[in-house]
Amino acid sequence: MRCDGLRLVEDRKAQDTARLHALREAAHIGMVDTDAGCFRSFESPAALIRDLTEIADEVINGKRSAKRTV
């Protein structure tokens, strides 16, 4: 029983380590893109919501739009 508890702790630590690695990698990619000017700005939260809704609708409806510019 004691080994099972240790195994659970070790598994949890491995999962946390993997998540932290993925988060750091995503943050690095985001910073590199931002430094390269690959981002979009929105005038308001509503404008962002409209854009995200449009993208979601295209995905849900299976439409392939022209490549979006960043």
PDB file of N, CA and C in Angstrom:
ATOM      1  N   MET A   1       0.825  -1.195   0.000  1.00  0.00           N
ATOM      2  CA  MET A   1       0.000   0.000   0.000  1.00  0.00           C
ATOM      3  C   MET A   1       0.865   1.254   0.000  1.00  0.00           C
ATOM      4  N   ARG A   2       1.931   1.234   0.763  1.00  0.00           N
ATOM      5  CA  ARG A   2       2.819   2.386   0.840  1.00  0.00           C
ATOM      6  C   ARG A   2       3.438   2.691  -0.517  1.00  0.00           C
ATOM      7  N   CYS A   3       3.798   1.646  -1.267  1.00  0.00           N
ATOM      8  CA  CYS A   3       4.384   1.842  -2.595  1.00  0.00           C
ATOM      9  C   CYS A   3       3.388   2.471  -3.552  1.00  0.00           C
ATOM     10  N   ASP A   4       2.103   2.123  -3.408  1.00  0.00           N
ATOM     11  CA  ASP A   4       1.083   2.715  -4.261  1.00  0.00           C
ATOM     12  C   ASP A   4       0.997   4.218  -4.037  1.00  0.00           C
ATOM     13  N   GLY A   5       1.074   4.634  -2.789  1.00  0.00           N
ATOM     14  CA  GLY A   5       1.032   6.061  -2.479  1.00  0.00           C
ATOM     15  C   GLY A   5       2.221   6.794  -3.055  1.00  0.00           C
ATOM     16  N   LEU A   6       3.387   6.205  -2.929  1.00  0.00           N
ATOM     17  CA  LEU A   6       4.597   6.805  -3.482  1.00  0.00           C
ATOM     18  C   LEU A   6       4.508   6.892  -4.996  1.00  0.00           C
ATOM     19  N   ARG A   7       3.987   5.831  -5.600  1.00  0.00           N
ATOM     20  CA  ARG A   7       3.834   5.824  -7.051  1.00  0.00           C
ATOM     21  C   ARG A   7       2.889   6.928  -7.503  1.00  0.00           C
ATOM     22  N   LEU A   8       1.808   7.136  -6.777  1.00  0.00           N
ATOM     23  CA  LEU A   8       0.864   8.206  -7.111  1.00  0.00           C
ATOM     24  C   LEU A   8       1.526   9.574  -7.014  1.00  0.00           C
ATOM     25  N   VAL A   9       2.328   9.781  -5.973  1.00  0.00           N
ATOM     26  CA  VAL A   9       3.038  11.054  -5.805  1.00  0.00           C
ATOM     27  C   VAL A   9       4.030  11.252  -6.947  1.00  0.00           C
ATOM     28  N   GLU A  10       4.753  10.211  -7.291  1.00  0.00           N
ATOM     29  CA  GLU A  10       5.724  10.311  -8.379  1.00  0.00           C
ATOM     30  C   GLU A  10       5.037  10.569  -9.719  1.00  0.00           C
ATOM     31  N   ASP A  11       3.904   9.899  -9.949  1.00  0.00           N
ATOM     32  CA  ASP A  11       3.149  10.129 -11.184  1.00  0.00           C
ATOM     33  C   ASP A  11       2.662  11.569 -11.257  1.00  0.00           C
ATOM     34  N   ARG A  12       2.162  12.065 -10.142  1.00  0.00           N
ATOM     35  CA  ARG A  12       1.666  13.447 -10.106  1.00  0.00           C
ATOM     36  C   ARG A  12       2.803  14.432 -10.383  1.00  0.00           C
ATOM     37  N   LYS A  13       3.964  14.174  -9.805  1.00  0.00           N
ATOM     38  CA  LYS A  13       5.109  15.050 -10.024  1.00  0.00           C
ATOM     39  C   LYS A  13       5.526  15.022 -11.488  1.00  0.00           C
ATOM     40  N   ALA A  14       5.523  13.851 -12.104  1.00  0.00           N
ATOM     41  CA  ALA A  14       5.882  13.737 -13.523  1.00  0.00           C
ATOM     42  C   ALA A  14       4.879  14.489 -14.396  1.00  0.00           C
ATOM     43  N   GLN A  15       3.594  14.382 -14.069  1.00  0.00           N
ATOM     44  CA  GLN A  15       2.572  15.104 -14.829  1.00  0.00           C
ATOM     45  C   GLN A  15       2.733  16.611 -14.668  1.00  0.00           C
ATOM     46  N   ASP A  16       2.989  17.055 -13.450  1.00  0.00           N
ATOM     47  CA  ASP A  16       3.197  18.486 -13.204  1.00  0.00           C
ATOM     48  C   ASP A  16       4.414  18.992 -13.961  1.00  0.00           C
ATOM     49  N   THR A  17       5.481  18.205 -13.978  1.00  0.00           N
ATOM     50  CA  THR A  17       6.699  18.588 -14.694  1.00  0.00           C
ATOM     51  C   THR A  17       6.415  18.705 -16.188  1.00  0.00           C
ATOM     52  N   ALA A  18       5.665  17.756 -16.744  1.00  0.00           N
ATOM     53  CA  ALA A  18       5.330  17.786 -18.171  1.00  0.00           C
ATOM     54  C   ALA A  18       4.467  19.004 -18.495  1.00  0.00           C
ATOM     55  N   ARG A  19       3.490  19.316 -17.627  1.00  0.00           N
ATOM     56  CA  ARG A  19       2.642  20.494 -17.857  1.00  0.00           C
ATOM     57  C   ARG A  19       3.453  21.778 -17.790  1.00  0.00           C
ATOM     58  N   LEU A  20       4.355  21.858 -16.834  1.00  0.00           N
ATOM     59  CA  LEU A  20       5.200  23.048 -16.706  1.00  0.00           C
ATOM     60  C   LEU A  20       6.087  23.209 -17.938  1.00  0.00           C
ATOM     61  N   HIS A  21       6.635  22.125 -18.435  1.00  0.00           N
ATOM     62  CA  HIS A  21       7.463  22.176 -19.637  1.00  0.00           C
ATOM     63  C   HIS A  21       6.637  22.678 -20.829  1.00  0.00           C
ATOM     64  N   ALA A  22       5.422  22.144 -20.994  1.00  0.00           N
ATOM     65  CA  ALA A  22       4.548  22.566 -22.094  1.00  0.00           C
ATOM     66  C   ALA A  22       4.184  24.048 -21.964  1.00  0.00           C
ATOM     67  N   LEU A  23       3.911  24.499 -20.756  1.00  0.00           N
ATOM     68  CA  LEU A  23       3.578  25.903 -20.532  1.00  0.00           C
ATOM     69  C   LEU A  23       4.759  26.808 -20.860  1.00  0.00           C
ATOM     70  N   ARG A  24       5.951  26.426 -20.431  1.00  0.00           N
ATOM     71  CA  ARG A  24       7.140  27.227 -20.746  1.00  0.00           C
ATOM     72  C   ARG A  24       7.392  27.285 -22.250  1.00  0.00           C
ATOM     73  N   GLU A  25       7.201  26.157 -22.921  1.00  0.00           N
ATOM     74  CA  GLU A  25       7.395  26.117 -24.375  1.00  0.00           C
ATOM     75  C   GLU A  25       6.377  27.017 -25.082  1.00  0.00           C
ATOM     76  N   ALA A  26       5.125  26.961 -24.650  1.00  0.00           N
ATOM     77  CA  ALA A  26       4.090  27.811 -25.245  1.00  0.00           C
ATOM     78  C   ALA A  26       4.391  29.291 -25.000  1.00  0.00           C
ATOM     79  N   ALA A  27       4.837  29.615 -23.807  1.00  0.00           N
ATOM     80  CA  ALA A  27       5.191  31.008 -23.499  1.00  0.00           C
ATOM     81  C   ALA A  27       6.345  31.464 -24.372  1.00  0.00           C
ATOM     82  N   HIS A  28       7.332  30.601 -24.558  1.00  0.00           N
ATOM     83  CA  HIS A  28       8.489  30.950 -25.403  1.00  0.00           C
ATOM     84  C   HIS A  28       8.037  31.206 -26.845  1.00  0.00           C
ATOM     85  N   ILE A  29       7.190  30.335 -27.363  1.00  0.00           N
ATOM     86  CA  ILE A  29       6.691  30.506 -28.736  1.00  0.00           C
ATOM     87  C   ILE A  29       5.925  31.819 -28.844  1.00  0.00           C
ATOM     88  N   GLY A  30       5.098  32.110 -27.856  1.00  0.00           N
ATOM     89  CA  GLY A  30       4.337  33.361 -27.870  1.00  0.00           C
ATOM     90  C   GLY A  30       5.238  34.586 -27.841  1.00  0.00           C
ATOM     91  N   MET A  31       6.300  34.538 -27.042  1.00  0.00           N
ATOM     92  CA  MET A  31       7.226  35.682 -26.969  1.00  0.00           C
ATOM     93  C   MET A  31       7.985  35.861 -28.281  1.00  0.00           C
ATOM     94  N   VAL A  32       8.394  34.763 -28.885  1.00  0.00           N
ATOM     95  CA  VAL A  32       9.106  34.835 -30.172  1.00  0.00           C
ATOM     96  C   VAL A  32       8.182  35.425 -31.235  1.00  0.00           C
ATOM     97  N   ASP A  33       6.937  34.949 -31.289  1.00  0.00           N
ATOM     98  CA  ASP A  33       5.980  35.489 -32.253  1.00  0.00           C
ATOM     99  C   ASP A  33       5.741  36.978 -32.022  1.00  0.00           C
ATOM    100  N   THR A  34       5.572  37.369 -30.765  1.00  0.00           N
ATOM    101  CA  THR A  34       5.339  38.772 -30.448  1.00  0.00           C
ATOM    102  C   THR A  34       6.533  39.627 -30.857  1.00  0.00           C
ATOM    103  N   ASP A  35       7.726  39.166 -30.561  1.00  0.00           N
ATOM    104  CA  ASP A  35       8.931  39.905 -30.946  1.00  0.00           C
ATOM    105  C   ASP A  35       9.048  40.043 -32.457  1.00  0.00           C
ATOM    106  N   ALA A  36       8.530  39.042 -33.200  1.00  0.00           N
ATOM    107  CA  ALA A  36       8.590  39.068 -34.663  1.00  0.00           C
ATOM    108  C   ALA A  36       7.429  39.856 -35.264  1.00  0.00           C
ATOM    109  N   GLY A  37       6.552  40.371 -34.408  1.00  0.00           N
ATOM    110  CA  GLY A  37       5.423  41.167 -34.896  1.00  0.00           C
ATOM    111  C   GLY A  37       4.244  40.327 -35.353  1.00  0.00           C
ATOM    112  N   CYS A  38       4.223  39.064 -35.003  1.00  0.00           N
ATOM    113  CA  CYS A  38       3.140  38.157 -35.410  1.00  0.00           C
ATOM    114  C   CYS A  38       2.031  38.166 -34.360  1.00  0.00           C
ATOM    115  N   PHE A  39       1.246  39.228 -34.355  1.00  0.00           N
ATOM    116  CA  PHE A  39       0.121  39.316 -33.433  1.00  0.00           C
ATOM    117  C   PHE A  39      -0.896  40.276 -34.016  1.00  0.00           C
ATOM    118  N   ARG A  40      -2.084  40.223 -33.475  1.00  0.00           N
ATOM    119  CA  ARG A  40      -3.144  41.122 -33.916  1.00  0.00           C
ATOM    120  C   ARG A  40      -3.652  41.894 -32.710  1.00  0.00           C
ATOM    121  N   SER A  41      -4.021  43.119 -32.941  1.00  0.00           N
ATOM    122  CA  SER A  41      -4.599  43.950 -31.886  1.00  0.00           C
ATOM    123  C   SER A  41      -6.076  44.166 -32.186  1.00  0.00           C
ATOM    124  N   PHE A  42      -6.845  44.354 -31.151  1.00  0.00           N
ATOM    125  CA  PHE A  42      -8.276  44.584 -31.297  1.00  0.00           C
ATOM    126  C   PHE A  42      -8.634  45.873 -30.575  1.00  0.00           C
ATOM    127  N   GLU A  43      -9.592  46.590 -31.149  1.00  0.00           N
ATOM    128  CA  GLU A  43      -9.987  47.879 -30.583  1.00  0.00           C
ATOM    129  C   GLU A  43     -10.753  47.733 -29.279  1.00  0.00           C
ATOM    130  N   SER A  44     -11.379  46.575 -29.098  1.00  0.00           N
ATOM    131  CA  SER A  44     -12.195  46.387 -27.899  1.00  0.00           C
ATOM    132  C   SER A  44     -12.366  44.894 -27.645  1.00  0.00           C
ATOM    133  N   PRO A  45     -12.797  44.554 -26.440  1.00  0.00           N
ATOM    134  CA  PRO A  45     -13.106  43.149 -26.171  1.00  0.00           C
ATOM    135  C   PRO A  45     -14.189  42.618 -27.117  1.00  0.00           C
ATOM    136  N   ALA A  46     -15.141  43.456 -27.459  1.00  0.00           N
ATOM    137  CA  ALA A  46     -16.214  43.032 -28.367  1.00  0.00           C
ATOM    138  C   ALA A  46     -15.662  42.667 -29.740  1.00  0.00           C
ATOM    139  N   ALA A  47     -14.667  43.422 -30.209  1.00  0.00           N
ATOM    140  CA  ALA A  47     -14.056  43.119 -31.509  1.00  0.00           C
ATOM    141  C   ALA A  47     -13.337  41.774 -31.464  1.00  0.00           C
ATOM    142  N   LEU A  48     -12.674  41.494 -30.368  1.00  0.00           N
ATOM    143  CA  LEU A  48     -12.007  40.205 -30.202  1.00  0.00           C
ATOM    144  C   LEU A  48     -13.037  39.080 -30.193  1.00  0.00           C
ATOM    145  N   ILE A  49     -14.119  39.262 -29.456  1.00  0.00           N
ATOM    146  CA  ILE A  49     -15.167  38.242 -29.385  1.00  0.00           C
ATOM    147  C   ILE A  49     -15.767  37.993 -30.768  1.00  0.00           C
ATOM    148  N   ARG A  50     -16.007  39.058 -31.544  1.00  0.00           N
ATOM    149  CA  ARG A  50     -16.543  38.887 -32.897  1.00  0.00           C
ATOM    150  C   ARG A  50     -15.601  38.055 -33.754  1.00  0.00           C
ATOM    151  N   ASP A  51     -14.307  38.350 -33.680  1.00  0.00           N
ATOM    152  CA  ASP A  51     -13.327  37.628 -34.481  1.00  0.00           C
ATOM    153  C   ASP A  51     -13.259  36.159 -34.065  1.00  0.00           C
ATOM    154  N   LEU A  52     -13.223  35.898 -32.762  1.00  0.00           N
ATOM    155  CA  LEU A  52     -13.178  34.514 -32.284  1.00  0.00           C
ATOM    156  C   LEU A  52     -14.457  33.755 -32.651  1.00  0.00           C
ATOM    157  N   THR A  53     -15.599  34.432 -32.601  1.00  0.00           N
ATOM    158  CA  THR A  53     -16.866  33.811 -32.975  1.00  0.00           C
ATOM    159  C   THR A  53     -16.855  33.439 -34.456  1.00  0.00           C
ATOM    160  N   GLU A  54     -16.321  34.326 -35.278  1.00  0.00           N
ATOM    161  CA  GLU A  54     -16.225  34.048 -36.714  1.00  0.00           C
ATOM    162  C   GLU A  54     -15.352  32.826 -36.976  1.00  0.00           C
ATOM    163  N   ILE A  55     -14.226  32.757 -36.303  1.00  0.00           N
ATOM    164  CA  ILE A  55     -13.327  31.607 -36.466  1.00  0.00           C
ATOM    165  C   ILE A  55     -14.028  30.332 -36.006  1.00  0.00           C
ATOM    166  N   ALA A  56     -14.691  30.384 -34.851  1.00  0.00           N
ATOM    167  CA  ALA A  56     -15.397  29.209 -34.331  1.00  0.00           C
ATOM    168  C   ALA A  56     -16.486  28.761 -35.298  1.00  0.00           C
ATOM    169  N   ASP A  57     -17.228  29.705 -35.850  1.00  0.00           N
ATOM    170  CA  ASP A  57     -18.288  29.360 -36.810  1.00  0.00           C
ATOM    171  C   ASP A  57     -17.714  28.675 -38.035  1.00  0.00           C
ATOM    172  N   GLU A  58     -16.574  29.171 -38.520  1.00  0.00           N
ATOM    173  CA  GLU A  58     -15.938  28.558 -39.687  1.00  0.00           C
ATOM    174  C   GLU A  58     -15.516  27.126 -39.369  1.00  0.00           C
ATOM    175  N   VAL A  59     -14.980  26.913 -38.197  1.00  0.00           N
ATOM    176  CA  VAL A  59     -14.539  25.570 -37.805  1.00  0.00           C
ATOM    177  C   VAL A  59     -15.743  24.645 -37.656  1.00  0.00           C
ATOM    178  N   ILE A  60     -16.777  25.115 -36.981  1.00  0.00           N
ATOM    179  CA  ILE A  60     -17.963  24.298 -36.742  1.00  0.00           C
ATOM    180  C   ILE A  60     -18.646  23.932 -38.056  1.00  0.00           C
ATOM    181  N   ASN A  61     -18.691  24.871 -38.982  1.00  0.00           N
ATOM    182  CA  ASN A  61     -19.356  24.637 -40.262  1.00  0.00           C
ATOM    183  C   ASN A  61     -18.453  23.938 -41.277  1.00  0.00           C
ATOM    184  N   GLY A  62     -17.214  23.682 -40.897  1.00  0.00           N
ATOM    185  CA  GLY A  62     -16.303  22.975 -41.785  1.00  0.00           C
ATOM    186  C   GLY A  62     -15.813  23.801 -42.952  1.00  0.00           C
ATOM    187  N   LYS A  63     -15.932  25.098 -42.862  1.00  0.00           N
ATOM    188  CA  LYS A  63     -15.469  25.963 -43.943  1.00  0.00           C
ATOM    189  C   LYS A  63     -13.981  26.213 -43.791  1.00  0.00           C
ATOM    190  N   ARG A  64     -13.296  26.203 -44.892  1.00  0.00           N
ATOM    191  CA  ARG A  64     -11.886  26.541 -44.871  1.00  0.00           C
ATOM    192  C   ARG A  64     -11.758  27.924 -45.498  1.00  0.00           C
ATOM    193  N   SER A  65     -11.495  28.887 -44.683  1.00  0.00           N
ATOM    194  CA  SER A  65     -11.353  30.237 -45.202  1.00  0.00           C
ATOM    195  C   SER A  65      -9.930  30.425 -45.702  1.00  0.00           C
ATOM    196  N   ALA A  66      -9.734  31.493 -46.440  1.00  0.00           N
ATOM    197  CA  ALA A  66      -8.385  31.824 -46.894  1.00  0.00           C
ATOM    198  C   ALA A  66      -7.505  31.971 -45.674  1.00  0.00           C
ATOM    199  N   LYS A  67      -6.237  31.704 -45.826  1.00  0.00           N
ATOM    200  CA  LYS A  67      -5.327  31.778 -44.681  1.00  0.00           C
ATOM    201  C   LYS A  67      -5.428  33.144 -44.026  1.00  0.00           C
ATOM    202  N   ARG A  68      -5.636  33.115 -42.728  1.00  0.00           N
ATOM    203  CA  ARG A  68      -5.754  34.362 -41.985  1.00  0.00           C
ATOM    204  C   ARG A  68      -4.396  35.019 -41.868  1.00  0.00           C
ATOM    205  N   THR A  69      -4.372  36.297 -42.022  1.00  0.00           N
ATOM    206  CA  THR A  69      -3.127  37.034 -41.838  1.00  0.00           C
ATOM    207  C   THR A  69      -2.991  37.406 -40.393  1.00  0.00           C
ATOM    208  N   VAL A  70      -1.783  37.436 -39.942  1.00  0.00           N
ATOM    209  CA  VAL A  70      -1.519  37.773 -38.550  1.00  0.00           C
ATOM    210  C   VAL A  70      -1.100  39.208 -38.460  1.00  0.00           C
TER     211      VAL A  70
END
